[in-house]
Amino acid sequence: MLLKDKKILIMGIRNKWSIAYGIAKSAYENGAKLIFTYWGEKNREKIEELISEFQDSKAYVLSEASEDEAVREVFTKIKEENGKIDGIVHSIARAETEDLNNDFIYTSKNGYASAIDVSSYSFVLTARIAREIDFLNENASLVTLTYYGSEKVVTGYNVMGVAKAALESSVRYLANDLGKEGKRVNAISAGPIKTLSAKGIKDFSSILNVVEEKAPLHRNVTIEQVGNVAAFLLSNMSDAITGQIIYADSGYNIMGV
């Protein structure tokens, strides 16, 4: 098993349709002990039921993933109760609905700042706090999630595309900083998947149809497939890979027209 005896923190799990859940499932099946953070104390019962299939897993509420003290408090508590960890999966992103529904040019200042703050800066903060409290074991791996809309215009993705572009650049700079300590940082650019977040994108079903038609494999991807890529990146099998954007999109990103 790729992740036997490894402790993996998965940030941002929401429901059984989320990419974070697919990653958790693959990591667990590959031997990992799982720790979760989730948004909102009101969601505790739902999250605890969701993760009950992952034996001995634990969940911690983190309502402000881009606030220094909130992240420090939760990470410190997790370390005290579980010890150091071997990997972090960052699955956190948010944009205002109106900034996705309107043309990009009408993005509000607050909406722009919020999307960058939650979807990109929170990953930088995650890495920094983890380093400052000595949270990561030797050879730890950090993985975040991005999307093709960071590099090409995808109708309805708008400000989230800008936030993901910042996230991808952050991956490279973090990989350089943490590489000095033998730790790795990568991102998975997943193909479109019917998640709760995807519902905020206009005409999302048409995007799925285009990918199925034009991708070399002529199919969309599943949360399980993305989960398997994450398990590989979290494992020692990928210990020569850092600072990369790994596509899990049935090859759609290679196509021109």
C-alpha atoms as a PDB file:
ATOM      1  CA  MET A   1       0.000   0.000   0.000  1.00  0.00           C
ATOM      2  CA  LEU A   2       1.375   3.361  -1.078  1.00  0.00           C
ATOM      3  CA  LEU A   3       0.533   5.236   2.122  1.00  0.00           C
ATOM      4  CA  LYS A   4       0.880   2.594   4.809  1.00  0.00           C
ATOM      5  CA  ASP A   5       1.427   4.184   8.248  1.00  0.00           C
ATOM      6  CA  LYS A   6       1.320   7.735   6.806  1.00  0.00           C
ATOM      7  CA  LYS A   7      -0.816  10.419   8.434  1.00  0.00           C
ATOM      8  CA  ILE A   8      -2.544  12.627   5.882  1.00  0.00           C
ATOM      9  CA  LEU A   9      -4.446  15.847   6.607  1.00  0.00           C
ATOM     10  CA  ILE A  10      -7.240  16.592   4.124  1.00  0.00           C
ATOM     11  CA  MET A  11      -8.508  20.160   4.287  1.00  0.00           C
ATOM     12  CA  GLY A  12     -11.929  21.109   2.990  1.00  0.00           C
ATOM     13  CA  ILE A  13     -13.987  17.918   2.812  1.00  0.00           C
ATOM     14  CA  ARG A  14     -17.680  18.685   2.257  1.00  0.00           C
ATOM     15  CA  ASN A  15     -19.645  15.671   1.045  1.00  0.00           C
ATOM     16  CA  LYS A  16     -19.292  12.321  -0.717  1.00  0.00           C
ATOM     17  CA  TRP A  17     -19.308  14.002  -4.150  1.00  0.00           C
ATOM     18  CA  SER A  18     -16.327  16.250  -3.398  1.00  0.00           C
ATOM     19  CA  ILE A  19     -12.852  15.679  -4.798  1.00  0.00           C
ATOM     20  CA  ALA A  20     -11.568  15.725  -1.218  1.00  0.00           C
ATOM     21  CA  TYR A  21     -13.728  12.680  -0.490  1.00  0.00           C
ATOM     22  CA  GLY A  22     -12.329  10.857  -3.518  1.00  0.00           C
ATOM     23  CA  ILE A  23      -8.815  11.611  -2.297  1.00  0.00           C
ATOM     24  CA  ALA A  24      -9.677  10.456   1.217  1.00  0.00           C
ATOM     25  CA  LYS A  25     -11.065   7.179  -0.129  1.00  0.00           C
ATOM     26  CA  SER A  26      -7.960   6.410  -2.191  1.00  0.00           C
ATOM     27  CA  ALA A  27      -5.571   7.458   0.579  1.00  0.00           C
ATOM     28  CA  TYR A  28      -7.431   5.298   3.109  1.00  0.00           C
ATOM     29  CA  GLU A  29      -7.475   2.292   0.788  1.00  0.00           C
ATOM     30  CA  ASN A  30      -3.723   2.765   0.398  1.00  0.00           C
ATOM     31  CA  GLY A  31      -3.145   2.541   4.143  1.00  0.00           C
ATOM     32  CA  ALA A  32      -3.217   6.166   5.318  1.00  0.00           C
ATOM     33  CA  LYS A  33      -4.526   7.386   8.638  1.00  0.00           C
ATOM     34  CA  LEU A  34      -6.770  10.358   7.854  1.00  0.00           C
ATOM     35  CA  ILE A  35      -7.283  13.675   9.589  1.00  0.00           C
ATOM     36  CA  PHE A  36      -9.768  16.211   8.241  1.00  0.00           C
ATOM     37  CA  THR A  37     -10.594  19.870   8.563  1.00  0.00           C
ATOM     38  CA  TYR A  38     -13.962  21.202   7.479  1.00  0.00           C
ATOM     39  CA  TRP A  39     -15.864  24.463   7.402  1.00  0.00           C
ATOM     40  CA  GLY A  40     -18.416  25.387  10.052  1.00  0.00           C
ATOM     41  CA  GLU A  41     -19.205  23.937  13.469  1.00  0.00           C
ATOM     42  CA  LYS A  42     -22.788  23.467  12.256  1.00  0.00           C
ATOM     43  CA  ASN A  43     -21.510  20.805   9.854  1.00  0.00           C
ATOM     44  CA  ARG A  44     -19.893  18.635  12.542  1.00  0.00           C
ATOM     45  CA  GLU A  45     -22.547  15.908  12.645  1.00  0.00           C
ATOM     46  CA  LYS A  46     -22.694  15.662   8.850  1.00  0.00           C
ATOM     47  CA  ILE A  47     -18.899  15.459   8.499  1.00  0.00           C
ATOM     48  CA  GLU A  48     -18.489  12.916  11.280  1.00  0.00           C
ATOM     49  CA  GLU A  49     -21.066  10.699   9.579  1.00  0.00           C
ATOM     50  CA  LEU A  50     -19.328  11.187   6.229  1.00  0.00           C
ATOM     51  CA  ILE A  51     -15.907  10.124   7.481  1.00  0.00           C
ATOM     52  CA  SER A  52     -17.150   7.293   9.704  1.00  0.00           C
ATOM     53  CA  GLU A  53     -16.154   4.750   7.051  1.00  0.00           C
ATOM     54  CA  PHE A  54     -12.518   5.785   7.484  1.00  0.00           C
ATOM     55  CA  GLN A  55     -11.607   3.934  10.670  1.00  0.00           C
ATOM     56  CA  ASP A  56      -9.817   5.965  13.373  1.00  0.00           C
ATOM     57  CA  SER A  57     -10.053   9.195  11.378  1.00  0.00           C
ATOM     58  CA  LYS A  58     -10.526  12.542  13.125  1.00  0.00           C
ATOM     59  CA  ALA A  59     -12.112  15.822  12.054  1.00  0.00           C
ATOM     60  CA  TYR A  60     -11.483  19.398  13.199  1.00  0.00           C
ATOM     61  CA  VAL A  61     -13.470  22.499  12.368  1.00  0.00           C
ATOM     62  CA  LEU A  62     -11.576  25.274  10.532  1.00  0.00           C
ATOM     63  CA  SER A  63     -13.901  28.095   9.604  1.00  0.00           C
ATOM     64  CA  GLU A  64     -11.273  30.599   8.408  1.00  0.00           C
ATOM     65  CA  ALA A  65      -8.648  28.825   6.320  1.00  0.00           C
ATOM     66  CA  SER A  66      -7.019  32.116   5.301  1.00  0.00           C
ATOM     67  CA  GLU A  67      -6.715  33.549   8.813  1.00  0.00           C
ATOM     68  CA  ASP A  68      -3.298  33.039  10.436  1.00  0.00           C
ATOM     69  CA  GLU A  69      -4.405  32.465  14.011  1.00  0.00           C
ATOM     70  CA  ALA A  70      -7.279  30.162  13.070  1.00  0.00           C
ATOM     71  CA  VAL A  71      -4.974  27.891  11.066  1.00  0.00           C
ATOM     72  CA  ARG A  72      -2.254  27.991  13.722  1.00  0.00           C
ATOM     73  CA  GLU A  73      -4.728  27.040  16.469  1.00  0.00           C
ATOM     74  CA  VAL A  74      -6.157  24.077  14.553  1.00  0.00           C
ATOM     75  CA  PHE A  75      -2.783  22.803  13.323  1.00  0.00           C
ATOM     76  CA  THR A  76      -1.343  23.038  16.832  1.00  0.00           C
ATOM     77  CA  LYS A  77      -4.268  21.063  18.219  1.00  0.00           C
ATOM     78  CA  ILE A  78      -3.947  18.422  15.510  1.00  0.00           C
ATOM     79  CA  LYS A  79      -0.224  18.059  16.202  1.00  0.00           C
ATOM     80  CA  GLU A  80      -0.785  17.759  19.960  1.00  0.00           C
ATOM     81  CA  GLU A  81      -3.367  15.008  19.468  1.00  0.00           C
ATOM     82  CA  ASN A  82      -1.859  13.146  16.512  1.00  0.00           C
ATOM     83  CA  GLY A  83       1.815  14.047  16.238  1.00  0.00           C
ATOM     84  CA  LYS A  84       3.497  15.151  13.026  1.00  0.00           C
ATOM     85  CA  ILE A  85       1.922  14.362   9.668  1.00  0.00           C
ATOM     86  CA  ASP A  86       3.228  13.117   6.328  1.00  0.00           C
ATOM     87  CA  GLY A  87       1.047  15.001   3.905  1.00  0.00           C
ATOM     88  CA  ILE A  88      -1.509  17.757   3.429  1.00  0.00           C
ATOM     89  CA  VAL A  89      -4.246  17.941   0.795  1.00  0.00           C
ATOM     90  CA  HIS A  90      -5.591  21.474   0.291  1.00  0.00           C
ATOM     91  CA  SER A  91      -9.097  21.362  -1.205  1.00  0.00           C
ATOM     92  CA  ILE A  92     -10.360  24.836  -0.369  1.00  0.00           C
ATOM     93  CA  ALA A  93     -11.732  27.411  -2.803  1.00  0.00           C
ATOM     94  CA  ARG A  94     -14.463  30.025  -2.860  1.00  0.00           C
ATOM     95  CA  ALA A  95     -15.780  32.816  -5.059  1.00  0.00           C
ATOM     96  CA  GLU A  96     -18.856  35.017  -4.872  1.00  0.00           C
ATOM     97  CA  THR A  97     -21.739  33.686  -6.962  1.00  0.00           C
ATOM     98  CA  GLU A  98     -22.294  36.993  -8.749  1.00  0.00           C
ATOM     99  CA  ASP A  99     -18.644  37.075  -9.775  1.00  0.00           C
ATOM    100  CA  LEU A 100     -19.116  33.718 -11.489  1.00  0.00           C
ATOM    101  CA  ASN A 101     -22.445  34.578 -13.098  1.00  0.00           C
ATOM    102  CA  ASN A 102     -21.466  37.988 -14.489  1.00  0.00           C
ATOM    103  CA  ASP A 103     -18.808  38.753 -17.102  1.00  0.00           C
ATOM    104  CA  PHE A 104     -15.338  38.788 -15.551  1.00  0.00           C
ATOM    105  CA  ILE A 105     -14.928  42.526 -16.194  1.00  0.00           C
ATOM    106  CA  TYR A 106     -17.617  43.184 -13.569  1.00  0.00           C
ATOM    107  CA  THR A 107     -15.775  41.320 -10.805  1.00  0.00           C
ATOM    108  CA  SER A 108     -16.055  43.308  -7.590  1.00  0.00           C
ATOM    109  CA  LYS A 109     -12.967  44.414  -5.682  1.00  0.00           C
ATOM    110  CA  ASN A 110     -14.090  42.541  -2.585  1.00  0.00           C
ATOM    111  CA  GLY A 111     -14.976  39.470  -4.627  1.00  0.00           C
ATOM    112  CA  TYR A 112     -11.586  39.464  -6.331  1.00  0.00           C
ATOM    113  CA  ALA A 113      -9.733  39.810  -3.038  1.00  0.00           C
ATOM    114  CA  SER A 114     -11.856  37.135  -1.360  1.00  0.00           C
ATOM    115  CA  ALA A 115     -11.318  34.596  -4.147  1.00  0.00           C
ATOM    116  CA  ILE A 116      -7.549  35.063  -4.027  1.00  0.00           C
ATOM    117  CA  ASP A 117      -7.512  35.027  -0.228  1.00  0.00           C
ATOM    118  CA  VAL A 118      -9.474  31.812   0.252  1.00  0.00           C
ATOM    119  CA  SER A 119      -8.501  29.892  -2.881  1.00  0.00           C
ATOM    120  CA  SER A 120      -4.793  30.753  -3.125  1.00  0.00           C
ATOM    121  CA  TYR A 121      -3.382  32.486  -0.057  1.00  0.00           C
ATOM    122  CA  SER A 122      -4.849  29.822   2.232  1.00  0.00           C
ATOM    123  CA  PHE A 123      -2.467  27.281   0.678  1.00  0.00           C
ATOM    124  CA  VAL A 124       0.538  29.536   1.258  1.00  0.00           C
ATOM    125  CA  LEU A 125      -0.629  30.026   4.835  1.00  0.00           C
ATOM    126  CA  THR A 126      -1.090  26.283   5.273  1.00  0.00           C
ATOM    127  CA  ALA A 127       2.513  25.641   4.232  1.00  0.00           C
ATOM    128  CA  ARG A 128       3.909  28.438   6.383  1.00  0.00           C
ATOM    129  CA  ILE A 129       2.110  27.523   9.583  1.00  0.00           C
ATOM    130  CA  ALA A 130       2.957  23.847   9.079  1.00  0.00           C
ATOM    131  CA  ARG A 131       6.629  24.785   8.847  1.00  0.00           C
ATOM    132  CA  GLU A 132       6.543  27.219  11.771  1.00  0.00           C
ATOM    133  CA  ILE A 133       5.077  24.695  14.228  1.00  0.00           C
ATOM    134  CA  ASP A 134       7.223  21.817  12.893  1.00  0.00           C
ATOM    135  CA  PHE A 135       4.099  19.954  11.807  1.00  0.00           C
ATOM    136  CA  LEU A 136       5.525  18.005   8.858  1.00  0.00           C
ATOM    137  CA  ASN A 137       7.557  14.816   8.933  1.00  0.00           C
ATOM    138  CA  GLU A 138      10.640  14.399   6.776  1.00  0.00           C
ATOM    139  CA  ASN A 139       9.775  13.943   3.072  1.00  0.00           C
ATOM    140  CA  ALA A 140       6.237  15.277   3.573  1.00  0.00           C
ATOM    141  CA  SER A 141       4.148  16.075   0.514  1.00  0.00           C
ATOM    142  CA  LEU A 142       1.679  18.946   0.023  1.00  0.00           C
ATOM    143  CA  VAL A 143      -0.990  18.713  -2.687  1.00  0.00           C
ATOM    144  CA  THR A 144      -3.538  21.294  -3.795  1.00  0.00           C
ATOM    145  CA  LEU A 145      -6.263  21.292  -6.449  1.00  0.00           C
ATOM    146  CA  THR A 146      -6.527  23.496  -9.502  1.00  0.00           C
ATOM    147  CA  TYR A 147      -8.323  23.565 -12.863  1.00  0.00           C
ATOM    148  CA  TYR A 148      -7.688  24.286 -16.553  1.00  0.00           C
ATOM    149  CA  GLY A 149      -9.533  27.601 -16.196  1.00  0.00           C
ATOM    150  CA  SER A 150      -6.331  28.966 -14.662  1.00  0.00           C
ATOM    151  CA  GLU A 151      -4.624  29.061 -18.054  1.00  0.00           C
ATOM    152  CA  LYS A 152      -7.443  29.233 -20.621  1.00  0.00           C
ATOM    153  CA  VAL A 153     -10.734  31.106 -20.585  1.00  0.00           C
ATOM    154  CA  VAL A 154     -13.550  28.855 -19.392  1.00  0.00           C
ATOM    155  CA  THR A 155     -16.919  30.576 -19.543  1.00  0.00           C
ATOM    156  CA  GLY A 156     -18.338  31.074 -16.063  1.00  0.00           C
ATOM    157  CA  TYR A 157     -15.093  30.304 -14.229  1.00  0.00           C
ATOM    158  CA  ASN A 158     -14.067  33.963 -14.208  1.00  0.00           C
ATOM    159  CA  VAL A 159     -12.349  35.171 -11.028  1.00  0.00           C
ATOM    160  CA  MET A 160     -11.776  31.608  -9.880  1.00  0.00           C
ATOM    161  CA  GLY A 161      -9.513  31.150 -12.893  1.00  0.00           C
ATOM    162  CA  VAL A 162      -7.427  34.095 -11.715  1.00  0.00           C
ATOM    163  CA  ALA A 163      -7.298  32.664  -8.196  1.00  0.00           C
ATOM    164  CA  LYS A 164      -6.217  29.270  -9.490  1.00  0.00           C
ATOM    165  CA  ALA A 165      -3.499  30.893 -11.624  1.00  0.00           C
ATOM    166  CA  ALA A 166      -2.156  32.508  -8.447  1.00  0.00           C
ATOM    167  CA  LEU A 167      -2.406  29.140  -6.698  1.00  0.00           C
ATOM    168  CA  GLU A 168      -0.384  27.398  -9.411  1.00  0.00           C
ATOM    169  CA  SER A 169       2.348  30.032  -9.239  1.00  0.00           C
ATOM    170  CA  SER A 170       2.352  29.657  -5.457  1.00  0.00           C
ATOM    171  CA  VAL A 171       2.941  25.923  -5.872  1.00  0.00           C
ATOM    172  CA  ARG A 172       6.193  26.630  -7.706  1.00  0.00           C
ATOM    173  CA  TYR A 173       7.471  29.156  -5.183  1.00  0.00           C
ATOM    174  CA  LEU A 174       6.498  26.965  -2.231  1.00  0.00           C
ATOM    175  CA  ALA A 175       8.196  23.978  -3.865  1.00  0.00           C
ATOM    176  CA  ASN A 176      11.401  26.013  -4.039  1.00  0.00           C
ATOM    177  CA  ASP A 177      11.167  27.109  -0.401  1.00  0.00           C
ATOM    178  CA  LEU A 178      10.217  23.747   1.071  1.00  0.00           C
ATOM    179  CA  GLY A 179      12.485  21.781  -1.222  1.00  0.00           C
ATOM    180  CA  LYS A 180      15.422  22.934   0.890  1.00  0.00           C
ATOM    181  CA  GLU A 181      13.919  20.759   3.642  1.00  0.00           C
ATOM    182  CA  GLY A 182      13.158  17.779   1.401  1.00  0.00           C
ATOM    183  CA  LYS A 183       9.422  18.478   1.294  1.00  0.00           C
ATOM    184  CA  ARG A 184       7.416  18.498  -1.933  1.00  0.00           C
ATOM    185  CA  VAL A 185       4.588  20.679  -3.239  1.00  0.00           C
ATOM    186  CA  ASN A 186       2.401  19.843  -6.258  1.00  0.00           C
ATOM    187  CA  ALA A 187      -1.040  20.543  -7.684  1.00  0.00           C
ATOM    188  CA  ILE A 188      -3.551  18.361  -9.486  1.00  0.00           C
ATOM    189  CA  SER A 189      -5.450  19.993 -12.342  1.00  0.00           C
ATOM    190  CA  ALA A 190      -8.566  17.856 -12.368  1.00  0.00           C
ATOM    191  CA  GLY A 191     -11.007  17.707 -15.211  1.00  0.00           C
ATOM    192  CA  PRO A 192     -14.519  19.035 -14.585  1.00  0.00           C
ATOM    193  CA  ILE A 193     -16.463  17.004 -12.016  1.00  0.00           C
ATOM    194  CA  LYS A 194     -20.019  17.440 -10.737  1.00  0.00           C
ATOM    195  CA  THR A 195     -19.199  18.751  -7.280  1.00  0.00           C
ATOM    196  CA  LEU A 196     -21.216  21.145  -5.139  1.00  0.00           C
ATOM    197  CA  SER A 197     -18.843  23.961  -6.113  1.00  0.00           C
ATOM    198  CA  ALA A 198     -19.307  23.216  -9.816  1.00  0.00           C
ATOM    199  CA  LYS A 199     -22.986  24.079  -9.504  1.00  0.00           C
ATOM    200  CA  GLY A 200     -21.958  27.737  -9.322  1.00  0.00           C
ATOM    201  CA  ILE A 201     -20.588  27.649 -12.879  1.00  0.00           C
ATOM    202  CA  LYS A 202     -23.056  28.516 -15.638  1.00  0.00           C
ATOM    203  CA  ASP A 203     -23.773  25.778 -18.194  1.00  0.00           C
ATOM    204  CA  PHE A 204     -21.467  23.353 -16.391  1.00  0.00           C
ATOM    205  CA  SER A 205     -23.024  20.351 -18.118  1.00  0.00           C
ATOM    206  CA  SER A 206     -21.895  21.722 -21.495  1.00  0.00           C
ATOM    207  CA  ILE A 207     -18.290  21.709 -20.244  1.00  0.00           C
ATOM    208  CA  LEU A 208     -18.637  18.033 -19.372  1.00  0.00           C
ATOM    209  CA  ASN A 209     -19.969  17.343 -22.860  1.00  0.00           C
ATOM    210  CA  VAL A 210     -17.062  19.126 -24.536  1.00  0.00           C
ATOM    211  CA  VAL A 211     -14.485  17.209 -22.511  1.00  0.00           C
ATOM    212  CA  GLU A 212     -16.134  13.892 -23.307  1.00  0.00           C
ATOM    213  CA  GLU A 213     -16.177  14.771 -26.989  1.00  0.00           C
ATOM    214  CA  LYS A 214     -12.656  16.195 -27.373  1.00  0.00           C
ATOM    215  CA  ALA A 215     -10.419  14.627 -24.704  1.00  0.00           C
ATOM    216  CA  PRO A 216      -8.166  11.857 -26.058  1.00  0.00           C
ATOM    217  CA  LEU A 217      -9.801   9.327 -23.719  1.00  0.00           C
ATOM    218  CA  HIS A 218     -13.313  10.606 -24.607  1.00  0.00           C
ATOM    219  CA  ARG A 219     -14.547  10.505 -21.044  1.00  0.00           C
ATOM    220  CA  ASN A 220     -14.787  12.692 -17.985  1.00  0.00           C
ATOM    221  CA  VAL A 221     -12.848  11.943 -14.821  1.00  0.00           C
ATOM    222  CA  THR A 222     -14.155  10.747 -11.468  1.00  0.00           C
ATOM    223  CA  ILE A 223     -13.274  11.761  -7.919  1.00  0.00           C
ATOM    224  CA  GLU A 224     -11.794   8.290  -7.487  1.00  0.00           C
ATOM    225  CA  GLN A 225      -9.409   8.793 -10.405  1.00  0.00           C
ATOM    226  CA  VAL A 226      -8.271  12.154  -9.054  1.00  0.00           C
ATOM    227  CA  GLY A 227      -7.938  10.514  -5.652  1.00  0.00           C
ATOM    228  CA  ASN A 228      -5.555   7.931  -7.079  1.00  0.00           C
ATOM    229  CA  VAL A 229      -3.343  10.660  -8.543  1.00  0.00           C
ATOM    230  CA  ALA A 230      -3.290  12.389  -5.151  1.00  0.00           C
ATOM    231  CA  ALA A 231      -2.355   9.145  -3.393  1.00  0.00           C
ATOM    232  CA  PHE A 232       0.588   8.792  -5.767  1.00  0.00           C
ATOM    233  CA  LEU A 233       1.731  12.379  -5.135  1.00  0.00           C
ATOM    234  CA  LEU A 234       1.445  11.863  -1.376  1.00  0.00           C
ATOM    235  CA  SER A 235       3.491   8.680  -1.532  1.00  0.00           C
ATOM    236  CA  ASN A 236       7.218   8.042  -1.733  1.00  0.00           C
ATOM    237  CA  MET A 237       6.674   6.774  -5.287  1.00  0.00           C
ATOM    238  CA  SER A 238       6.615  10.420  -6.406  1.00  0.00           C
ATOM    239  CA  ASP A 239       9.601  11.613  -4.390  1.00  0.00           C
ATOM    240  CA  ALA A 240      11.310  13.100  -7.473  1.00  0.00           C
ATOM    241  CA  ILE A 241       8.290  15.283  -8.355  1.00  0.00           C
ATOM    242  CA  THR A 242       7.773  18.788  -6.986  1.00  0.00           C
ATOM    243  CA  GLY A 243       6.530  22.152  -8.204  1.00  0.00           C
ATOM    244  CA  GLN A 244       4.372  20.500 -10.867  1.00  0.00           C
ATOM    245  CA  ILE A 245       0.811  20.810 -12.123  1.00  0.00           C
ATOM    246  CA  ILE A 246      -0.297  17.232 -12.786  1.00  0.00           C
ATOM    247  CA  TYR A 247      -3.279  16.942 -15.133  1.00  0.00           C
ATOM    248  CA  ALA A 248      -5.951  14.382 -14.377  1.00  0.00           C
ATOM    249  CA  ASP A 249      -8.384  15.321 -17.135  1.00  0.00           C
ATOM    250  CA  SER A 250      -8.434  12.443 -19.645  1.00  0.00           C
ATOM    251  CA  GLY A 251      -5.851  14.406 -21.650  1.00  0.00           C
ATOM    252  CA  TYR A 252      -8.155  17.317 -22.503  1.00  0.00           C
ATOM    253  CA  ASN A 253      -5.449  19.915 -21.793  1.00  0.00           C
ATOM    254  CA  ILE A 254      -3.268  18.754 -24.712  1.00  0.00           C
ATOM    255  CA  MET A 255      -5.879  19.448 -27.376  1.00  0.00           C
ATOM    256  CA  GLY A 256      -5.804  22.529 -29.567  1.00  0.00           C
ATOM    257  CA  VAL A 257      -9.169  22.696 -31.346  1.00  0.00           C
END
